[in-house]
Structure formats: structure tokens, C-alpha cells
């Protein structure tokens, strides 16, 4: 069972919300998805619910969702990527935009 702003929401909807916020070419694995779903939101859901979401991504949408790990997620962002993201964020702020991406919006909401 997932919650957003105190409201009960479907775990699948939260997964789609996460996927929409990913930049093009971003790494997707079970570790990062689980980290977003239960860490970012403070959600509590069963392993069965989570596995159903992962199976749906793999079976219905033919997405590869490897297990992943914290080490892999740290290595997935290079220094050059991070600097590029920071420059883009500063450029967008100077043009009057509030958020760099959906993920930044989530950080502000949490």
C-alpha cells in the first residue's frame, strides 16, 4: 500500500510516476525502484505487491529490470553527468523555472 500526501495510492501508479520522472537513458533496476517507492515516500508495501509491479514491467512491457545494488546506483552517475545536470538546473532557474525535473519536484515535496 503506497501513500502520497496522506492519500492511499496504487503502487503501479507510483511506479509510473517514478518512470515519468527519469531522464532519458537512466538506469532502472529493482534497487532504485524500491528505494524510490519506499524511501522517498515513506511507504509500506508487501514484497508480493512490489514483485507484481516488477513482473508487470518485465512481462507486459518487456522492460529489463535487473536486481541492482547501492554500489551500482552510485556508479551510474559520472562526475561529468552530475556537472551537466547542475549546469542545466542553474540555467533553468535563471530562466524562471522552478524545477529541473520530476525527481527534483519530488525532493521538494518530501
Protein backbone atom coordinates (compact mmCIF):
# COMPACT_ATOMS: atom_id res chain seq x y z
CA UNK A 1 0.00 0.00 0.00
CA UNK A 2 1.51 3.32 -1.06
CA UNK A 3 0.62 6.81 0.15
CA UNK A 4 1.09 10.23 -1.44
CA UNK A 5 0.25 13.38 0.54
CA UNK A 6 -1.62 11.24 3.07
CA UNK A 7 -3.79 9.61 0.39
CA UNK A 8 -3.68 5.90 -0.42
CA UNK A 9 -2.47 5.36 -4.00
CA UNK A 10 -1.85 2.34 -6.19
CA UNK A 11 1.75 1.09 -6.22
CA UNK A 12 1.57 0.79 -10.02
CA UNK A 13 0.60 4.47 -10.30
CA UNK A 14 3.57 5.40 -8.10
CA UNK A 15 5.84 3.32 -10.34
CA UNK A 16 4.60 5.16 -13.43
CA UNK A 17 5.13 8.47 -11.61
CA UNK A 18 8.75 7.41 -10.98
CA UNK A 19 9.32 6.27 -14.57
CA UNK A 20 7.95 9.54 -15.98
CA UNK A 21 10.49 11.48 -13.94
CA UNK A 22 13.52 9.51 -15.11
CA UNK A 23 15.82 11.27 -17.56
CA UNK A 24 16.35 9.58 -20.94
CA UNK A 25 18.80 6.70 -20.70
CA UNK A 26 18.65 6.48 -16.90
CA UNK A 27 19.42 3.19 -15.20
CA UNK A 28 16.40 1.24 -13.98
CA UNK A 29 16.72 -1.64 -11.55
CA UNK A 30 14.81 -3.13 -8.63
CA UNK A 31 17.04 -1.42 -6.06
CA UNK A 32 16.43 2.09 -7.43
CA UNK A 33 12.72 1.49 -7.91
CA UNK A 34 12.30 0.11 -4.38
CA UNK A 35 14.40 2.96 -2.97
CA UNK A 36 12.11 5.50 -4.62
CA UNK A 37 8.88 3.76 -3.70
CA UNK A 38 9.54 3.16 -0.03
CA UNK A 39 12.32 5.59 0.83
CA UNK A 40 11.22 8.75 -0.92
CA UNK A 41 7.58 8.44 0.15
CA UNK A 42 7.85 6.58 3.44
CA UNK A 43 5.56 3.91 2.00
CA UNK A 44 4.95 0.45 3.35
CA UNK A 45 4.04 -2.25 0.89
CA UNK A 46 4.48 -6.01 0.77
CA UNK A 47 7.16 -7.84 -1.16
CA UNK A 48 4.34 -9.51 -3.11
CA UNK A 49 2.99 -6.12 -4.29
CA UNK A 50 6.46 -4.96 -5.30
CA UNK A 51 7.22 -8.19 -7.18
CA UNK A 52 3.87 -7.89 -9.01
CA UNK A 53 4.90 -4.42 -10.25
CA UNK A 54 8.34 -5.65 -11.37
CA UNK A 55 6.79 -8.67 -13.10
CA UNK A 56 4.31 -6.42 -14.90
CA UNK A 57 7.16 -4.22 -16.17
CA UNK A 58 9.08 -7.26 -17.37
CA UNK A 59 6.25 -9.40 -18.74
CA UNK A 60 3.80 -6.86 -20.16
CA UNK A 61 6.16 -4.06 -21.16
CA UNK A 62 9.26 -6.20 -21.89
CA UNK A 63 11.48 -3.97 -19.73
CA UNK A 64 14.62 -5.45 -18.27
CA UNK A 65 14.64 -4.80 -14.53
CA UNK A 66 17.83 -6.24 -13.03
CA UNK A 67 18.17 -6.61 -9.26
CA UNK A 68 20.68 -3.76 -8.85
CA UNK A 69 22.50 -2.58 -5.75
CA UNK A 70 23.58 0.57 -3.95
CA UNK A 71 27.07 0.26 -5.47
CA UNK A 72 25.65 0.13 -8.98
CA UNK A 73 23.42 3.13 -8.36
CA UNK A 74 26.37 5.19 -7.12
CA UNK A 75 28.46 4.26 -10.18
CA UNK A 76 25.62 5.05 -12.59
CA UNK A 77 26.16 8.83 -12.32
CA UNK A 78 29.51 10.12 -13.50
CA UNK A 79 31.05 13.42 -12.45
CA UNK A 80 30.51 14.82 -15.95
CA UNK A 81 26.80 13.90 -15.83
CA UNK A 82 26.43 15.48 -12.40
CA UNK A 83 28.12 18.72 -13.53
CA UNK A 84 25.95 18.81 -16.64
CA UNK A 85 22.80 18.33 -14.54
CA UNK A 86 23.85 21.12 -12.15
CA UNK A 87 24.53 23.50 -15.06
CA UNK A 88 21.15 22.70 -16.60
CA UNK A 89 19.46 23.24 -13.23
CA UNK A 90 21.13 26.68 -12.82
CA UNK A 91 20.23 27.63 -16.39
CA UNK A 92 16.57 26.67 -15.85
CA UNK A 93 16.42 28.59 -12.57
CA UNK A 94 17.86 31.68 -14.25
CA UNK A 95 15.07 31.43 -16.84
CA UNK A 96 12.45 31.31 -14.09
CA UNK A 97 11.68 27.59 -13.99
CA UNK A 98 11.13 26.16 -10.51
CA UNK A 99 12.16 22.56 -11.13
CA UNK A 100 14.87 20.81 -13.08
CA UNK A 101 12.90 17.56 -13.35
CA UNK A 102 10.14 15.49 -11.77
CA UNK A 103 12.72 13.98 -9.42
CA UNK A 104 13.65 17.45 -8.16
CA UNK A 105 9.97 18.18 -7.65
CA UNK A 106 9.69 15.02 -5.55
CA UNK A 107 12.67 16.07 -3.42
CA UNK A 108 10.93 19.37 -2.71
CA UNK A 109 7.67 17.61 -1.81
CA UNK A 110 9.30 15.17 0.62
